[in-house]
């Protein structure tokens, strides 16, 4: 299967169920992938904390270790905030 360059004049499919050649799914819009950026930020923060865990659990952390843990924790919180703000909003039902 050869890679094809997308046609810039053709709009993206509005639904993931639409297909281009019968069985090949089209690209999904970014509203379906709203969580990716937040997940990358949060996982990066968790990885930063994880790399410091050996030093912390060994009982020999220095101030820079705790600074890195703080940066990692801030990244995890920032990822959660980005996820919360970018989640798809459901329209309110009138009533």
N, C-alpha and C. Protein backbone atom coordinates (compact mmCIF):
# COMPACT_ATOMS: atom_id res chain seq x y z
N UNK A 1 0.84 -1.16 0.00
CA UNK A 1 0.00 0.00 0.00
C UNK A 1 0.89 1.23 0.00
N UNK A 2 0.80 2.04 -0.98
CA UNK A 2 1.64 3.22 -1.11
C UNK A 2 1.02 4.40 -0.37
N UNK A 3 1.87 5.24 0.19
CA UNK A 3 1.39 6.46 0.85
C UNK A 3 0.91 7.43 -0.21
N UNK A 4 -0.19 8.07 0.09
CA UNK A 4 -0.75 9.05 -0.84
C UNK A 4 -0.71 10.42 -0.20
N UNK A 5 -0.45 11.42 -1.00
CA UNK A 5 -0.48 12.79 -0.53
C UNK A 5 -1.94 13.23 -0.51
N UNK A 6 -2.41 13.79 0.63
CA UNK A 6 -3.80 14.20 0.68
C UNK A 6 -4.09 15.35 -0.27
N UNK A 7 -5.27 15.34 -0.83
CA UNK A 7 -5.71 16.39 -1.74
C UNK A 7 -6.12 17.61 -0.92
N UNK A 8 -5.44 18.76 -1.07
CA UNK A 8 -5.77 19.93 -0.25
C UNK A 8 -7.14 20.51 -0.56
N UNK A 9 -7.70 20.21 -1.73
CA UNK A 9 -9.02 20.74 -2.08
C UNK A 9 -10.16 19.91 -1.51
N UNK A 10 -9.84 18.70 -1.07
CA UNK A 10 -10.87 17.81 -0.54
C UNK A 10 -10.97 18.00 0.97
N UNK A 11 -12.17 18.30 1.49
CA UNK A 11 -12.31 18.48 2.94
C UNK A 11 -12.16 17.15 3.67
N UNK A 12 -11.72 17.23 4.92
CA UNK A 12 -11.60 16.03 5.73
C UNK A 12 -12.98 15.49 6.03
N UNK A 13 -13.05 14.20 6.26
CA UNK A 13 -14.33 13.58 6.58
C UNK A 13 -14.82 14.08 7.93
N UNK A 14 -16.11 14.27 8.03
CA UNK A 14 -16.67 14.75 9.29
C UNK A 14 -16.95 13.62 10.26
N UNK A 15 -16.90 12.41 9.80
CA UNK A 15 -17.18 11.27 10.65
C UNK A 15 -16.13 10.19 10.42
N UNK A 16 -15.79 9.48 11.49
CA UNK A 16 -14.81 8.41 11.37
C UNK A 16 -15.38 7.22 10.61
N UNK A 17 -16.69 7.16 10.49
CA UNK A 17 -17.32 6.04 9.80
C UNK A 17 -17.21 6.17 8.29
N UNK A 18 -16.97 7.38 7.78
CA UNK A 18 -16.85 7.56 6.34
C UNK A 18 -15.54 6.92 5.86
N UNK A 19 -15.57 6.39 4.66
CA UNK A 19 -14.38 5.76 4.11
C UNK A 19 -14.10 6.31 2.72
N UNK A 20 -12.84 6.17 2.29
CA UNK A 20 -12.45 6.68 0.98
C UNK A 20 -12.60 5.63 -0.10
N UNK A 21 -12.15 4.42 0.15
CA UNK A 21 -12.20 3.39 -0.89
C UNK A 21 -12.95 2.15 -0.41
N UNK A 22 -13.96 2.35 0.37
CA UNK A 22 -14.77 1.22 0.82
C UNK A 22 -14.35 0.69 2.17
N UNK A 23 -13.09 0.32 2.34
CA UNK A 23 -12.67 -0.27 3.61
C UNK A 23 -11.59 0.55 4.31
N UNK A 24 -11.04 1.52 3.65
CA UNK A 24 -9.97 2.32 4.24
C UNK A 24 -10.56 3.55 4.93
N UNK A 25 -10.40 3.70 6.26
CA UNK A 25 -11.00 4.84 6.95
C UNK A 25 -10.29 6.15 6.59
N UNK A 26 -11.04 7.22 6.63
CA UNK A 26 -10.48 8.54 6.35
C UNK A 26 -9.82 9.10 7.59
N UNK A 27 -9.14 10.22 7.45
CA UNK A 27 -8.54 10.89 8.60
C UNK A 27 -9.63 11.40 9.51
N UNK A 28 -9.38 11.30 10.80
CA UNK A 28 -10.33 11.82 11.78
C UNK A 28 -9.95 13.25 12.11
N UNK A 29 -10.92 14.05 12.43
CA UNK A 29 -10.64 15.44 12.76
C UNK A 29 -9.98 15.51 14.13
N UNK A 30 -9.37 16.64 14.41
CA UNK A 30 -8.68 16.81 15.69
C UNK A 30 -9.63 16.80 16.88
N UNK A 31 -10.91 17.07 16.66
CA UNK A 31 -11.85 17.02 17.78
C UNK A 31 -12.02 15.61 18.32
N UNK A 32 -11.69 14.60 17.49
CA UNK A 32 -11.73 13.22 17.97
C UNK A 32 -10.46 12.84 18.72
N UNK A 33 -9.41 13.64 18.58
CA UNK A 33 -8.12 13.33 19.21
C UNK A 33 -7.73 14.42 20.19
N UNK A 34 -8.67 14.98 20.87
CA UNK A 34 -8.45 16.12 21.76
C UNK A 34 -7.53 15.78 22.93
N UNK A 35 -7.40 14.55 23.29
CA UNK A 35 -6.66 14.15 24.49
C UNK A 35 -5.17 13.93 24.24
N UNK A 36 -4.71 13.91 23.00
CA UNK A 36 -3.31 13.57 22.70
C UNK A 36 -2.33 14.54 23.33
N UNK A 37 -2.53 15.81 23.13
CA UNK A 37 -1.58 16.80 23.66
C UNK A 37 -1.51 16.70 25.18
N UNK A 38 -2.65 16.59 25.83
CA UNK A 38 -2.68 16.48 27.28
C UNK A 38 -1.97 15.21 27.76
N UNK A 39 -2.18 14.12 27.05
CA UNK A 39 -1.54 12.86 27.43
C UNK A 39 -0.03 12.95 27.31
N UNK A 40 0.46 13.59 26.26
CA UNK A 40 1.91 13.73 26.08
C UNK A 40 2.51 14.56 27.21
N UNK A 41 1.84 15.64 27.57
CA UNK A 41 2.34 16.49 28.66
C UNK A 41 2.37 15.71 29.97
N UNK A 42 1.27 15.02 30.28
CA UNK A 42 1.19 14.28 31.54
C UNK A 42 2.18 13.11 31.60
N UNK A 43 2.32 12.39 30.49
CA UNK A 43 3.27 11.26 30.47
C UNK A 43 4.70 11.76 30.58
N UNK A 44 4.99 12.91 29.98
CA UNK A 44 6.33 13.49 30.12
C UNK A 44 6.61 13.81 31.58
N UNK A 45 5.64 14.41 32.25
CA UNK A 45 5.80 14.70 33.67
C UNK A 45 6.01 13.45 34.50
N UNK A 46 5.23 12.42 34.21
CA UNK A 46 5.38 11.16 34.94
C UNK A 46 6.74 10.53 34.68
N UNK A 47 7.25 10.65 33.45
CA UNK A 47 8.57 10.11 33.13
C UNK A 47 9.66 10.87 33.89
N UNK A 48 9.51 12.17 33.98
CA UNK A 48 10.49 12.97 34.74
C UNK A 48 10.52 12.51 36.19
N UNK A 49 9.35 12.34 36.78
CA UNK A 49 9.28 11.85 38.17
C UNK A 49 9.86 10.45 38.26
N UNK A 50 9.53 9.60 37.30
CA UNK A 50 10.02 8.22 37.32
C UNK A 50 11.53 8.12 37.27
N UNK A 51 12.16 8.99 36.50
CA UNK A 51 13.63 8.96 36.44
C UNK A 51 14.27 9.40 37.75
N UNK A 52 13.54 10.13 38.57
CA UNK A 52 14.08 10.57 39.86
C UNK A 52 13.80 9.56 40.98
N UNK A 53 12.92 8.60 40.72
CA UNK A 53 12.47 7.70 41.77
C UNK A 53 13.61 6.87 42.39
N UNK A 54 14.55 6.43 41.59
CA UNK A 54 15.65 5.60 42.12
C UNK A 54 16.46 6.38 43.16
N UNK A 55 16.73 7.64 42.87
CA UNK A 55 17.50 8.46 43.80
C UNK A 55 16.69 8.74 45.06
N UNK A 56 15.40 9.04 44.88
CA UNK A 56 14.55 9.34 46.03
C UNK A 56 14.39 8.10 46.91
N UNK A 57 14.12 6.96 46.31
CA UNK A 57 13.91 5.75 47.10
C UNK A 57 15.21 5.24 47.72
N UNK A 58 16.34 5.62 47.14
CA UNK A 58 17.63 5.22 47.70
C UNK A 58 18.05 6.07 48.89
N UNK A 59 17.32 7.13 49.15
CA UNK A 59 17.60 7.95 50.31
C UNK A 59 18.70 8.97 50.10
N UNK A 60 19.08 9.24 48.85
CA UNK A 60 20.16 10.19 48.60
C UNK A 60 19.75 11.34 47.67
N UNK A 61 18.52 11.86 47.81
CA UNK A 61 18.14 12.94 46.90
C UNK A 61 18.83 14.26 47.29
N UNK A 62 19.09 15.07 46.29
CA UNK A 62 19.61 16.41 46.53
C UNK A 62 18.53 17.40 46.12
N UNK A 63 18.79 18.65 46.32
CA UNK A 63 17.78 19.67 46.02
C UNK A 63 17.35 19.63 44.55
N UNK A 64 18.30 19.39 43.65
CA UNK A 64 17.97 19.35 42.22
C UNK A 64 17.02 18.19 41.90
N UNK A 65 17.11 17.11 42.65
CA UNK A 65 16.20 15.98 42.45
C UNK A 65 14.77 16.42 42.75
N UNK A 66 14.60 17.11 43.85
CA UNK A 66 13.26 17.58 44.23
C UNK A 66 12.76 18.65 43.27
N UNK A 67 13.66 19.45 42.73
CA UNK A 67 13.25 20.44 41.72
C UNK A 67 12.70 19.71 40.49
N UNK A 68 13.39 18.67 40.06
CA UNK A 68 12.92 17.91 38.90
C UNK A 68 11.59 17.21 39.19
N UNK A 69 11.42 16.70 40.40
CA UNK A 69 10.14 16.10 40.78
C UNK A 69 9.04 17.15 40.72
N UNK A 70 9.35 18.36 41.19
CA UNK A 70 8.37 19.45 41.12
C UNK A 70 8.01 19.81 39.69
N UNK A 71 9.00 19.84 38.82
CA UNK A 71 8.74 20.12 37.40
C UNK A 71 7.88 19.01 36.80
N UNK A 72 8.19 17.77 37.13
CA UNK A 72 7.39 16.64 36.64
C UNK A 72 5.96 16.71 37.15
N UNK A 73 5.80 17.03 38.44
CA UNK A 73 4.45 17.14 39.00
C UNK A 73 3.68 18.29 38.34
N UNK A 74 4.36 19.39 38.09
CA UNK A 74 3.72 20.51 37.40
C UNK A 74 3.27 20.11 36.00
N UNK A 75 4.07 19.30 35.32
CA UNK A 75 3.71 18.84 33.98
C UNK A 75 2.49 17.91 34.03
N UNK A 76 2.43 17.06 35.03
CA UNK A 76 1.27 16.17 35.17
C UNK A 76 0.00 16.99 35.41
N UNK A 77 0.10 17.98 36.29
CA UNK A 77 -1.05 18.85 36.56
C UNK A 77 -1.42 19.65 35.30
N UNK A 78 -0.41 20.17 34.60
CA UNK A 78 -0.69 20.91 33.37
C UNK A 78 -1.37 20.02 32.33
N UNK A 79 -0.95 18.77 32.23
CA UNK A 79 -1.60 17.84 31.32
C UNK A 79 -3.05 17.61 31.68
N UNK A 80 -3.33 17.51 32.98
CA UNK A 80 -4.71 17.34 33.42
C UNK A 80 -5.55 18.58 33.10
N UNK A 81 -4.97 19.75 33.29
CA UNK A 81 -5.68 21.00 32.98
C UNK A 81 -5.96 21.11 31.48
N UNK A 82 -4.96 20.79 30.67
CA UNK A 82 -5.15 20.84 29.21
C UNK A 82 -6.23 19.84 28.79
N UNK A 83 -6.22 18.66 29.39
CA UNK A 83 -7.25 17.66 29.06
C UNK A 83 -8.63 18.18 29.44
N UNK A 84 -8.74 18.79 30.61
CA UNK A 84 -10.04 19.28 31.07
C UNK A 84 -10.55 20.40 30.16
N UNK A 85 -9.67 21.30 29.77
CA UNK A 85 -10.09 22.44 28.96
C UNK A 85 -10.36 22.08 27.51
N UNK A 86 -9.70 21.05 26.99
CA UNK A 86 -9.84 20.73 25.57
C UNK A 86 -10.80 19.59 25.31
N UNK A 87 -11.44 19.06 26.34
CA UNK A 87 -12.38 17.97 26.12
C UNK A 87 -13.55 18.46 25.28
N UNK A 88 -14.17 17.58 24.54
CA UNK A 88 -15.32 17.99 23.72
C UNK A 88 -16.48 18.39 24.62
N UNK A 89 -17.10 19.49 24.31
CA UNK A 89 -18.24 19.94 25.09
C UNK A 89 -19.53 19.48 24.43
N UNK A 90 -20.41 18.99 25.25
CA UNK A 90 -21.71 18.59 24.73
C UNK A 90 -22.63 19.81 24.75
N UNK A 91 -23.40 19.99 23.71
CA UNK A 91 -24.31 21.13 23.70
C UNK A 91 -25.37 20.96 24.78
N UNK A 92 -25.69 22.05 25.44
CA UNK A 92 -26.69 22.00 26.50
C UNK A 92 -28.08 21.87 25.87
N UNK A 93 -28.86 21.04 26.48
CA UNK A 93 -30.21 20.87 25.98
C UNK A 93 -31.09 21.97 26.55
N UNK A 94 -31.85 22.58 25.67
CA UNK A 94 -32.71 23.68 26.10
C UNK A 94 -33.80 23.20 27.03
N UNK A 95 -34.10 24.05 28.00
CA UNK A 95 -35.16 23.58 28.89
C UNK A 95 -35.47 24.50 29.96
